[in-house]
Amino acid sequence: MLIYYKNIFRTVILFLCFANLSPVNCQEAFSSLSLGINILKNKPDKDFNNYWNSDLGIEGRFETPFYFGDLQAGGILLPFKSKNINQPDFNSYFIFMGWGKKVNLPLKLFFFSTIKAGSFVMNFNLDSLGSTQKIESELGLGFKAGLGTHLFSPVQAFAGVEALQVFTRHKISFILFSAGLTYSFATPVWLKDFLE
Protein backbone atom coordinates (compact mmCIF):
# COMPACT_ATOMS: atom_id res chain seq x y z
CA MET A 1 0.00 0.00 0.00
CA LEU A 2 2.84 2.41 0.84
CA ILE A 3 4.48 1.76 -2.55
CA TYR A 4 1.13 2.55 -4.23
CA TYR A 5 0.94 5.97 -2.54
CA LYS A 6 4.61 6.68 -3.36
CA ASN A 7 3.90 5.99 -7.04
CA ILE A 8 0.91 8.34 -7.01
CA PHE A 9 3.02 11.05 -5.35
CA ARG A 10 5.80 10.66 -7.95
CA THR A 11 3.28 10.82 -10.79
CA VAL A 12 1.77 14.06 -9.47
CA ILE A 13 5.23 15.62 -8.99
CA LEU A 14 6.30 14.65 -12.52
CA PHE A 15 3.09 16.06 -13.95
CA LEU A 16 3.60 19.38 -12.17
CA CYS A 17 7.29 19.49 -13.12
CA PHE A 18 6.57 19.13 -16.82
CA ALA A 19 3.27 20.98 -17.03
CA ASN A 20 2.97 24.08 -19.23
CA LEU A 21 5.88 23.11 -21.52
CA SER A 22 3.95 24.03 -24.68
CA PRO A 23 5.27 26.81 -26.95
CA VAL A 24 2.38 29.03 -25.79
CA ASN A 25 4.01 29.19 -22.34
CA CYS A 26 7.51 29.88 -23.66
CA GLN A 27 9.11 32.83 -21.83
CA GLU A 28 11.41 35.46 -23.25
CA ALA A 29 14.93 34.44 -22.25
CA PHE A 30 16.64 36.71 -19.68
CA SER A 31 13.64 39.09 -19.58
CA SER A 32 13.79 39.40 -15.80
CA LEU A 33 16.15 38.71 -12.93
CA SER A 34 15.22 37.36 -9.50
CA LEU A 35 17.28 37.45 -6.33
CA GLY A 36 16.37 34.86 -3.73
CA ILE A 37 17.42 34.11 -0.18
CA ASN A 38 16.17 31.45 2.18
CA ILE A 39 16.87 29.80 5.51
CA LEU A 40 17.56 26.07 5.56
CA LYS A 41 17.01 23.39 8.17
CA ASN A 42 19.10 20.35 7.37
CA LYS A 43 18.30 16.72 8.16
CA PRO A 44 21.33 14.53 7.29
CA ASP A 45 21.17 10.79 6.84
CA LYS A 46 21.48 8.58 9.94
CA ASP A 47 25.16 7.64 9.52
CA PHE A 48 26.28 11.23 9.04
CA ASN A 49 24.16 12.36 11.97
CA ASN A 50 26.11 10.05 14.29
CA TYR A 51 29.15 12.31 13.92
CA TRP A 52 27.92 15.88 13.30
CA ASN A 53 25.08 18.17 14.34
CA SER A 54 23.78 20.55 11.66
CA ASP A 55 22.98 24.20 12.33
CA LEU A 56 20.67 26.41 10.28
CA GLY A 57 21.97 27.12 6.79
CA ILE A 58 21.38 29.83 4.22
CA GLU A 59 20.96 29.87 0.45
CA GLY A 60 21.33 32.73 -2.00
CA ARG A 61 20.69 32.53 -5.74
CA PHE A 62 20.09 34.38 -8.99
CA GLU A 63 17.33 33.25 -11.33
CA THR A 64 16.30 34.27 -14.85
CA PRO A 65 13.73 32.95 -17.37
CA PHE A 66 15.09 30.74 -20.11
CA TYR A 67 12.35 29.69 -22.54
CA PHE A 68 10.45 26.82 -20.84
CA GLY A 69 11.89 27.29 -17.35
CA ASP A 70 14.30 29.29 -15.22
CA LEU A 71 18.09 29.14 -15.06
CA GLN A 72 19.59 29.40 -11.58
CA ALA A 73 23.01 29.99 -10.09
CA GLY A 74 23.70 30.18 -6.39
CA GLY A 75 25.26 28.84 -3.26
CA ILE A 76 24.30 27.12 -0.01
CA LEU A 77 26.15 27.41 3.31
CA LEU A 78 25.64 24.58 5.82
CA PRO A 79 27.65 24.57 9.08
CA PHE A 80 28.24 21.35 11.02
CA LYS A 81 29.34 20.87 14.63
CA SER A 82 31.19 17.72 15.65
CA LYS A 83 29.77 15.34 18.25
CA ASN A 84 33.23 13.96 18.95
CA ILE A 85 36.57 15.68 19.55
CA ASN A 86 38.13 13.24 17.08
CA GLN A 87 36.13 14.81 14.24
CA PRO A 88 36.52 18.48 13.30
CA ASP A 89 33.70 20.98 12.82
CA PHE A 90 33.29 22.08 9.23
CA ASN A 91 31.40 24.40 6.94
CA SER A 92 30.05 23.16 3.64
CA TYR A 93 29.43 25.25 0.53
CA PHE A 94 27.29 23.93 -2.31
CA ILE A 95 27.97 26.07 -5.40
CA PHE A 96 25.42 25.11 -8.04
CA MET A 97 23.77 25.71 -11.38
CA GLY A 98 20.14 24.70 -11.76
CA TRP A 99 17.06 24.65 -13.93
CA GLY A 100 13.56 25.02 -12.57
CA LYS A 101 9.94 25.39 -13.52
CA LYS A 102 6.98 27.16 -11.91
CA VAL A 103 3.34 26.15 -12.42
CA ASN A 104 0.66 28.65 -11.41
CA LEU A 105 -2.10 27.43 -9.10
CA PRO A 106 -5.29 29.10 -7.81
CA LEU A 107 -5.24 31.75 -5.04
CA LYS A 108 -1.94 33.35 -6.16
CA LEU A 109 -0.08 30.14 -5.36
CA PHE A 110 2.47 28.36 -7.52
CA PHE A 111 4.26 25.02 -7.47
CA PHE A 112 7.97 25.00 -8.24
CA SER A 113 10.60 22.35 -8.86
CA THR A 114 14.33 22.62 -9.49
CA ILE A 115 17.19 20.31 -10.36
CA LYS A 116 20.70 21.36 -9.31
CA ALA A 117 24.26 20.22 -9.94
CA GLY A 118 27.44 21.65 -8.52
CA SER A 119 30.45 21.38 -6.26
CA PHE A 120 29.91 20.48 -2.59
CA VAL A 121 32.95 21.88 -0.75
CA MET A 122 33.74 20.86 2.84
CA ASN A 123 36.11 23.17 4.75
CA PHE A 124 37.24 21.41 7.93
CA ASN A 125 38.07 23.56 10.95
CA LEU A 126 41.10 21.81 12.42
CA ASP A 127 44.54 23.41 12.20
CA SER A 128 46.34 20.11 12.71
CA LEU A 129 45.05 18.80 9.38
CA GLY A 130 47.28 19.29 6.37
CA SER A 131 46.12 21.62 3.60
CA THR A 132 45.33 18.70 1.28
CA GLN A 133 43.03 17.22 3.93
CA LYS A 134 41.45 20.42 5.16
CA ILE A 135 39.30 21.09 2.08
CA GLU A 136 37.43 18.44 0.12
CA SER A 137 35.20 19.00 -2.91
CA GLU A 138 32.75 16.51 -4.38
CA LEU A 139 29.94 16.44 -6.91
CA GLY A 140 26.52 17.31 -5.50
CA LEU A 141 23.11 16.77 -7.12
CA GLY A 142 19.84 18.11 -5.77
CA PHE A 143 16.12 18.09 -6.50
CA LYS A 144 13.84 20.64 -4.87
CA ALA A 145 10.06 21.10 -4.90
CA GLY A 146 7.64 23.27 -2.98
CA LEU A 147 4.92 25.90 -2.93
CA GLY A 148 5.08 29.68 -3.16
CA THR A 149 2.79 32.68 -3.19
CA HIS A 150 2.85 36.11 -4.83
CA LEU A 151 2.90 38.55 -1.90
CA PHE A 152 2.87 41.60 -4.16
CA SER A 153 4.15 42.44 -7.62
CA PRO A 154 7.93 41.93 -7.30
CA VAL A 155 8.07 39.74 -4.16
CA GLN A 156 7.30 36.06 -3.70
CA ALA A 157 7.43 33.88 -0.59
CA PHE A 158 8.03 30.14 -0.75
CA ALA A 159 8.68 26.98 1.24
CA GLY A 160 10.14 23.76 -0.07
CA VAL A 161 11.98 20.50 0.48
CA GLU A 162 15.20 19.50 -1.26
CA ALA A 163 16.91 16.12 -1.54
CA LEU A 164 20.68 16.61 -1.90
CA GLN A 165 23.11 13.80 -2.68
CA VAL A 166 26.88 14.27 -2.23
CA PHE A 167 29.08 11.77 -4.06
CA THR A 168 31.81 11.15 -1.50
CA ARG A 169 33.29 7.64 -1.24
CA HIS A 170 30.40 6.86 1.11
CA LYS A 171 27.54 8.87 -0.37
CA ILE A 172 25.96 11.47 1.93
CA SER A 173 22.27 12.34 1.69
CA PHE A 174 20.65 15.47 3.07
CA ILE A 175 17.04 16.61 3.27
CA LEU A 176 16.84 20.42 3.33
CA PHE A 177 13.70 22.21 4.50
CA SER A 178 13.65 25.82 3.33
CA ALA A 179 11.63 29.03 3.45
CA GLY A 180 12.45 32.39 1.97
CA LEU A 181 11.74 35.29 -0.38
CA THR A 182 12.54 36.26 -3.96
CA TYR A 183 12.59 39.75 -5.46
CA SER A 184 12.15 40.08 -9.24
CA PHE A 185 12.85 43.00 -11.59
CA ALA A 186 13.33 43.61 -15.31
CA THR A 187 16.81 42.71 -16.49
CA PRO A 188 18.83 45.84 -17.35
CA VAL A 189 19.23 46.21 -21.13
CA TRP A 190 23.04 46.06 -21.00
CA LEU A 191 22.96 42.81 -18.98
CA LYS A 192 20.32 41.23 -21.22
CA ASP A 193 22.38 42.07 -24.32
CA PHE A 194 25.44 40.49 -22.67
CA LEU A 195 23.60 37.30 -21.73
CA GLU A 196 22.08 36.92 -25.18
C-alpha atoms as a PDB file:
ATOM      1  CA  MET A   1       0.000   0.000   0.000  1.00  0.00           C
ATOM      2  CA  LEU A   2       2.839   2.405   0.843  1.00  0.00           C
ATOM      3  CA  ILE A   3       4.482   1.760  -2.551  1.00  0.00           C
ATOM      4  CA  TYR A   4       1.133   2.554  -4.226  1.00  0.00           C
ATOM      5  CA  TYR A   5       0.943   5.975  -2.540  1.00  0.00           C
ATOM      6  CA  LYS A   6       4.610   6.685  -3.364  1.00  0.00           C
ATOM      7  CA  ASN A   7       3.904   5.988  -7.037  1.00  0.00           C
ATOM      8  CA  ILE A   8       0.910   8.338  -7.010  1.00  0.00           C
ATOM      9  CA  PHE A   9       3.018  11.053  -5.348  1.00  0.00           C
ATOM     10  CA  ARG A  10       5.803  10.656  -7.946  1.00  0.00           C
ATOM     11  CA  THR A  11       3.281  10.820 -10.793  1.00  0.00           C
ATOM     12  CA  VAL A  12       1.773  14.057  -9.468  1.00  0.00           C
ATOM     13  CA  ILE A  13       5.229  15.620  -8.994  1.00  0.00           C
ATOM     14  CA  LEU A  14       6.303  14.646 -12.524  1.00  0.00           C
ATOM     15  CA  PHE A  15       3.087  16.058 -13.952  1.00  0.00           C
ATOM     16  CA  LEU A  16       3.600  19.376 -12.175  1.00  0.00           C
ATOM     17  CA  CYS A  17       7.291  19.488 -13.123  1.00  0.00           C
ATOM     18  CA  PHE A  18       6.574  19.128 -16.819  1.00  0.00           C
ATOM     19  CA  ALA A  19       3.266  20.979 -17.026  1.00  0.00           C
ATOM     20  CA  ASN A  20       2.971  24.078 -19.233  1.00  0.00           C
ATOM     21  CA  LEU A  21       5.880  23.107 -21.517  1.00  0.00           C
ATOM     22  CA  SER A  22       3.952  24.027 -24.680  1.00  0.00           C
ATOM     23  CA  PRO A  23       5.267  26.811 -26.953  1.00  0.00           C
ATOM     24  CA  VAL A  24       2.382  29.034 -25.790  1.00  0.00           C
ATOM     25  CA  ASN A  25       4.008  29.194 -22.344  1.00  0.00           C
ATOM     26  CA  CYS A  26       7.511  29.879 -23.657  1.00  0.00           C
ATOM     27  CA  GLN A  27       9.112  32.826 -21.833  1.00  0.00           C
ATOM     28  CA  GLU A  28      11.410  35.456 -23.253  1.00  0.00           C
ATOM     29  CA  ALA A  29      14.929  34.443 -22.248  1.00  0.00           C
ATOM     30  CA  PHE A  30      16.640  36.711 -19.683  1.00  0.00           C
ATOM     31  CA  SER A  31      13.641  39.090 -19.580  1.00  0.00           C
ATOM     32  CA  SER A  32      13.791  39.401 -15.800  1.00  0.00           C
ATOM     33  CA  LEU A  33      16.155  38.714 -12.928  1.00  0.00           C
ATOM     34  CA  SER A  34      15.221  37.359  -9.504  1.00  0.00           C
ATOM     35  CA  LEU A  35      17.281  37.448  -6.333  1.00  0.00           C
ATOM     36  CA  GLY A  36      16.370  34.857  -3.727  1.00  0.00           C
ATOM     37  CA  ILE A  37      17.416  34.107  -0.179  1.00  0.00           C
ATOM     38  CA  ASN A  38      16.172  31.447   2.181  1.00  0.00           C
ATOM     39  CA  ILE A  39      16.866  29.804   5.510  1.00  0.00           C
ATOM     40  CA  LEU A  40      17.564  26.067   5.565  1.00  0.00           C
ATOM     41  CA  LYS A  41      17.011  23.390   8.172  1.00  0.00           C
ATOM     42  CA  ASN A  42      19.097  20.351   7.368  1.00  0.00           C
ATOM     43  CA  LYS A  43      18.304  16.724   8.163  1.00  0.00           C
ATOM     44  CA  PRO A  44      21.334  14.532   7.291  1.00  0.00           C
ATOM     45  CA  ASP A  45      21.173  10.791   6.843  1.00  0.00           C
ATOM     46  CA  LYS A  46      21.482   8.580   9.939  1.00  0.00           C
ATOM     47  CA  ASP A  47      25.155   7.638   9.524  1.00  0.00           C
ATOM     48  CA  PHE A  48      26.281  11.227   9.039  1.00  0.00           C
ATOM     49  CA  ASN A  49      24.158  12.359  11.969  1.00  0.00           C
ATOM     50  CA  ASN A  50      26.114  10.047  14.291  1.00  0.00           C
ATOM     51  CA  TYR A  51      29.154  12.305  13.923  1.00  0.00           C
ATOM     52  CA  TRP A  52      27.917  15.876  13.301  1.00  0.00           C
ATOM     53  CA  ASN A  53      25.083  18.174  14.336  1.00  0.00           C
ATOM     54  CA  SER A  54      23.776  20.545  11.665  1.00  0.00           C
ATOM     55  CA  ASP A  55      22.980  24.205  12.331  1.00  0.00           C
ATOM     56  CA  LEU A  56      20.666  26.414  10.284  1.00  0.00           C
ATOM     57  CA  GLY A  57      21.969  27.125   6.793  1.00  0.00           C
ATOM     58  CA  ILE A  58      21.379  29.827   4.222  1.00  0.00           C
ATOM     59  CA  GLU A  59      20.965  29.866   0.447  1.00  0.00           C
ATOM     60  CA  GLY A  60      21.329  32.735  -2.004  1.00  0.00           C
ATOM     61  CA  ARG A  61      20.688  32.530  -5.736  1.00  0.00           C
ATOM     62  CA  PHE A  62      20.089  34.382  -8.994  1.00  0.00           C
ATOM     63  CA  GLU A  63      17.334  33.250 -11.328  1.00  0.00           C
ATOM     64  CA  THR A  64      16.297  34.273 -14.854  1.00  0.00           C
ATOM     65  CA  PRO A  65      13.729  32.953 -17.372  1.00  0.00           C
ATOM     66  CA  PHE A  66      15.094  30.740 -20.110  1.00  0.00           C
ATOM     67  CA  TYR A  67      12.351  29.687 -22.542  1.00  0.00           C
ATOM     68  CA  PHE A  68      10.452  26.820 -20.839  1.00  0.00           C
ATOM     69  CA  GLY A  69      11.889  27.291 -17.349  1.00  0.00           C
ATOM     70  CA  ASP A  70      14.302  29.287 -15.222  1.00  0.00           C
ATOM     71  CA  LEU A  71      18.090  29.136 -15.062  1.00  0.00           C
ATOM     72  CA  GLN A  72      19.589  29.403 -11.581  1.00  0.00           C
ATOM     73  CA  ALA A  73      23.011  29.987 -10.094  1.00  0.00           C
ATOM     74  CA  GLY A  74      23.697  30.178  -6.394  1.00  0.00           C
ATOM     75  CA  GLY A  75      25.264  28.840  -3.260  1.00  0.00           C
ATOM     76  CA  ILE A  76      24.304  27.124  -0.009  1.00  0.00           C
ATOM     77  CA  LEU A  77      26.149  27.415   3.310  1.00  0.00           C
ATOM     78  CA  LEU A  78      25.642  24.577   5.815  1.00  0.00           C
ATOM     79  CA  PRO A  79      27.646  24.571   9.084  1.00  0.00           C
ATOM     80  CA  PHE A  80      28.241  21.351  11.021  1.00  0.00           C
ATOM     81  CA  LYS A  81      29.343  20.867  14.630  1.00  0.00           C
ATOM     82  CA  SER A  82      31.193  17.721  15.650  1.00  0.00           C
ATOM     83  CA  LYS A  83      29.766  15.342  18.245  1.00  0.00           C
ATOM     84  CA  ASN A  84      33.231  13.957  18.946  1.00  0.00           C
ATOM     85  CA  ILE A  85      36.573  15.675  19.553  1.00  0.00           C
ATOM     86  CA  ASN A  86      38.129  13.240  17.075  1.00  0.00           C
ATOM     87  CA  GLN A  87      36.126  14.808  14.238  1.00  0.00           C
ATOM     88  CA  PRO A  88      36.520  18.485  13.297  1.00  0.00           C
ATOM     89  CA  ASP A  89      33.699  20.977  12.816  1.00  0.00           C
ATOM     90  CA  PHE A  90      33.290  22.078   9.228  1.00  0.00           C
ATOM     91  CA  ASN A  91      31.401  24.404   6.944  1.00  0.00           C
ATOM     92  CA  SER A  92      30.054  23.155   3.637  1.00  0.00           C
ATOM     93  CA  TYR A  93      29.432  25.255   0.531  1.00  0.00           C
ATOM     94  CA  PHE A  94      27.294  23.932  -2.309  1.00  0.00           C
ATOM     95  CA  ILE A  95      27.967  26.067  -5.399  1.00  0.00           C
ATOM     96  CA  PHE A  96      25.418  25.110  -8.043  1.00  0.00           C
ATOM     97  CA  MET A  97      23.766  25.709 -11.379  1.00  0.00           C
ATOM     98  CA  GLY A  98      20.138  24.704 -11.759  1.00  0.00           C
ATOM     99  CA  TRP A  99      17.064  24.648 -13.934  1.00  0.00           C
ATOM    100  CA  GLY A 100      13.561  25.018 -12.570  1.00  0.00           C
ATOM    101  CA  LYS A 101       9.939  25.387 -13.519  1.00  0.00           C
ATOM    102  CA  LYS A 102       6.976  27.157 -11.915  1.00  0.00           C
ATOM    103  CA  VAL A 103       3.339  26.148 -12.418  1.00  0.00           C
ATOM    104  CA  ASN A 104       0.665  28.654 -11.405  1.00  0.00           C
ATOM    105  CA  LEU A 105      -2.096  27.432  -9.098  1.00  0.00           C
ATOM    106  CA  PRO A 106      -5.288  29.098  -7.810  1.00  0.00           C
ATOM    107  CA  LEU A 107      -5.242  31.747  -5.043  1.00  0.00           C
ATOM    108  CA  LYS A 108      -1.941  33.353  -6.161  1.00  0.00           C
ATOM    109  CA  LEU A 109      -0.081  30.137  -5.358  1.00  0.00           C
ATOM    110  CA  PHE A 110       2.468  28.357  -7.523  1.00  0.00           C
ATOM    111  CA  PHE A 111       4.257  25.016  -7.472  1.00  0.00           C
ATOM    112  CA  PHE A 112       7.968  24.998  -8.244  1.00  0.00           C
ATOM    113  CA  SER A 113      10.596  22.351  -8.865  1.00  0.00           C
ATOM    114  CA  THR A 114      14.328  22.620  -9.493  1.00  0.00           C
ATOM    115  CA  ILE A 115      17.186  20.308 -10.363  1.00  0.00           C
ATOM    116  CA  LYS A 116      20.701  21.355  -9.313  1.00  0.00           C
ATOM    117  CA  ALA A 117      24.258  20.220  -9.943  1.00  0.00           C
ATOM    118  CA  GLY A 118      27.439  21.648  -8.516  1.00  0.00           C
ATOM    119  CA  SER A 119      30.446  21.376  -6.258  1.00  0.00           C
ATOM    120  CA  PHE A 120      29.913  20.483  -2.592  1.00  0.00           C
ATOM    121  CA  VAL A 121      32.946  21.879  -0.754  1.00  0.00           C
ATOM    122  CA  MET A 122      33.742  20.864   2.845  1.00  0.00           C
ATOM    123  CA  ASN A 123      36.110  23.174   4.752  1.00  0.00           C
ATOM    124  CA  PHE A 124      37.236  21.411   7.931  1.00  0.00           C
ATOM    125  CA  ASN A 125      38.072  23.557  10.950  1.00  0.00           C
ATOM    126  CA  LEU A 126      41.100  21.809  12.422  1.00  0.00           C
ATOM    127  CA  ASP A 127      44.544  23.409  12.197  1.00  0.00           C
ATOM    128  CA  SER A 128      46.341  20.113  12.707  1.00  0.00           C
ATOM    129  CA  LEU A 129      45.051  18.803   9.385  1.00  0.00           C
ATOM    130  CA  GLY A 130      47.283  19.293   6.369  1.00  0.00           C
ATOM    131  CA  SER A 131      46.118  21.617   3.601  1.00  0.00           C
ATOM    132  CA  THR A 132      45.333  18.698   1.282  1.00  0.00           C
ATOM    133  CA  GLN A 133      43.034  17.218   3.929  1.00  0.00           C
ATOM    134  CA  LYS A 134      41.454  20.421   5.156  1.00  0.00           C
ATOM    135  CA  ILE A 135      39.303  21.086   2.078  1.00  0.00           C
ATOM    136  CA  GLU A 136      37.425  18.443   0.124  1.00  0.00           C
ATOM    137  CA  SER A 137      35.205  18.998  -2.911  1.00  0.00           C
ATOM    138  CA  GLU A 138      32.747  16.505  -4.380  1.00  0.00           C
ATOM    139  CA  LEU A 139      29.943  16.437  -6.913  1.00  0.00           C
ATOM    140  CA  GLY A 140      26.519  17.305  -5.499  1.00  0.00           C
ATOM    141  CA  LEU A 141      23.115  16.766  -7.124  1.00  0.00           C
ATOM    142  CA  GLY A 142      19.842  18.112  -5.770  1.00  0.00           C
ATOM    143  CA  PHE A 143      16.121  18.092  -6.501  1.00  0.00           C
ATOM    144  CA  LYS A 144      13.839  20.645  -4.868  1.00  0.00           C
ATOM    145  CA  ALA A 145      10.065  21.103  -4.901  1.00  0.00           C
ATOM    146  CA  GLY A 146       7.641  23.267  -2.980  1.00  0.00           C
ATOM    147  CA  LEU A 147       4.924  25.904  -2.932  1.00  0.00           C
ATOM    148  CA  GLY A 148       5.085  29.675  -3.160  1.00  0.00           C
ATOM    149  CA  THR A 149       2.793  32.679  -3.188  1.00  0.00           C
ATOM    150  CA  HIS A 150       2.851  36.108  -4.833  1.00  0.00           C
ATOM    151  CA  LEU A 151       2.898  38.550  -1.896  1.00  0.00           C
ATOM    152  CA  PHE A 152       2.871  41.600  -4.161  1.00  0.00           C
ATOM    153  CA  SER A 153       4.147  42.438  -7.624  1.00  0.00           C
ATOM    154  CA  PRO A 154       7.934  41.932  -7.300  1.00  0.00           C
ATOM    155  CA  VAL A 155       8.070  39.743  -4.161  1.00  0.00           C
ATOM    156  CA  GLN A 156       7.297  36.062  -3.701  1.00  0.00           C
ATOM    157  CA  ALA A 157       7.433  33.877  -0.590  1.00  0.00           C
ATOM    158  CA  PHE A 158       8.026  30.143  -0.748  1.00  0.00           C
ATOM    159  CA  ALA A 159       8.683  26.984   1.239  1.00  0.00           C
ATOM    160  CA  GLY A 160      10.142  23.759  -0.073  1.00  0.00           C
ATOM    161  CA  VAL A 161      11.981  20.503   0.483  1.00  0.00           C
ATOM    162  CA  GLU A 162      15.204  19.496  -1.255  1.00  0.00           C
ATOM    163  CA  ALA A 163      16.915  16.123  -1.544  1.00  0.00           C
ATOM    164  CA  LEU A 164      20.676  16.612  -1.895  1.00  0.00           C
ATOM    165  CA  GLN A 165      23.115  13.795  -2.678  1.00  0.00           C
ATOM    166  CA  VAL A 166      26.881  14.270  -2.232  1.00  0.00           C
ATOM    167  CA  PHE A 167      29.079  11.765  -4.060  1.00  0.00           C
ATOM    168  CA  THR A 168      31.807  11.148  -1.505  1.00  0.00           C
ATOM    169  CA  ARG A 169      33.287   7.640  -1.237  1.00  0.00           C
ATOM    170  CA  HIS A 170      30.404   6.863   1.105  1.00  0.00           C
ATOM    171  CA  LYS A 171      27.543   8.874  -0.365  1.00  0.00           C
ATOM    172  CA  ILE A 172      25.960  11.473   1.925  1.00  0.00           C
ATOM    173  CA  SER A 173      22.270  12.342   1.692  1.00  0.00           C
ATOM    174  CA  PHE A 174      20.648  15.474   3.068  1.00  0.00           C
ATOM    175  CA  ILE A 175      17.036  16.606   3.269  1.00  0.00           C
ATOM    176  CA  LEU A 176      16.841  20.423   3.326  1.00  0.00           C
ATOM    177  CA  PHE A 177      13.700  22.215   4.500  1.00  0.00           C
ATOM    178  CA  SER A 178      13.647  25.825   3.329  1.00  0.00           C
ATOM    179  CA  ALA A 179      11.630  29.031   3.453  1.00  0.00           C
ATOM    180  CA  GLY A 180      12.452  32.394   1.970  1.00  0.00           C
ATOM    181  CA  LEU A 181      11.742  35.293  -0.379  1.00  0.00           C
ATOM    182  CA  THR A 182      12.538  36.264  -3.955  1.00  0.00           C
ATOM    183  CA  TYR A 183      12.588  39.751  -5.460  1.00  0.00           C
ATOM    184  CA  SER A 184      12.149  40.085  -9.242  1.00  0.00           C
ATOM    185  CA  PHE A 185      12.849  42.997 -11.592  1.00  0.00           C
ATOM    186  CA  ALA A 186      13.333  43.607 -15.308  1.00  0.00           C
ATOM    187  CA  THR A 187      16.812  42.706 -16.494  1.00  0.00           C
ATOM    188  CA  PRO A 188      18.828  45.837 -17.355  1.00  0.00           C
ATOM    189  CA  VAL A 189      19.229  46.214 -21.135  1.00  0.00           C
ATOM    190  CA  TRP A 190      23.042  46.064 -20.998  1.00  0.00           C
ATOM    191  CA  LEU A 191      22.964  42.813 -18.982  1.00  0.00           C
ATOM    192  CA  LYS A 192      20.323  41.230 -21.215  1.00  0.00           C
ATOM    193  CA  ASP A 193      22.385  42.074 -24.316  1.00  0.00           C
ATOM    194  CA  PHE A 194      25.442  40.493 -22.673  1.00  0.00           C
ATOM    195  CA  LEU A 195      23.600  37.297 -21.727  1.00  0.00           C
ATOM    196  CA  GLU A 196      22.082  36.922 -25.179  1.00  0.00           C
END
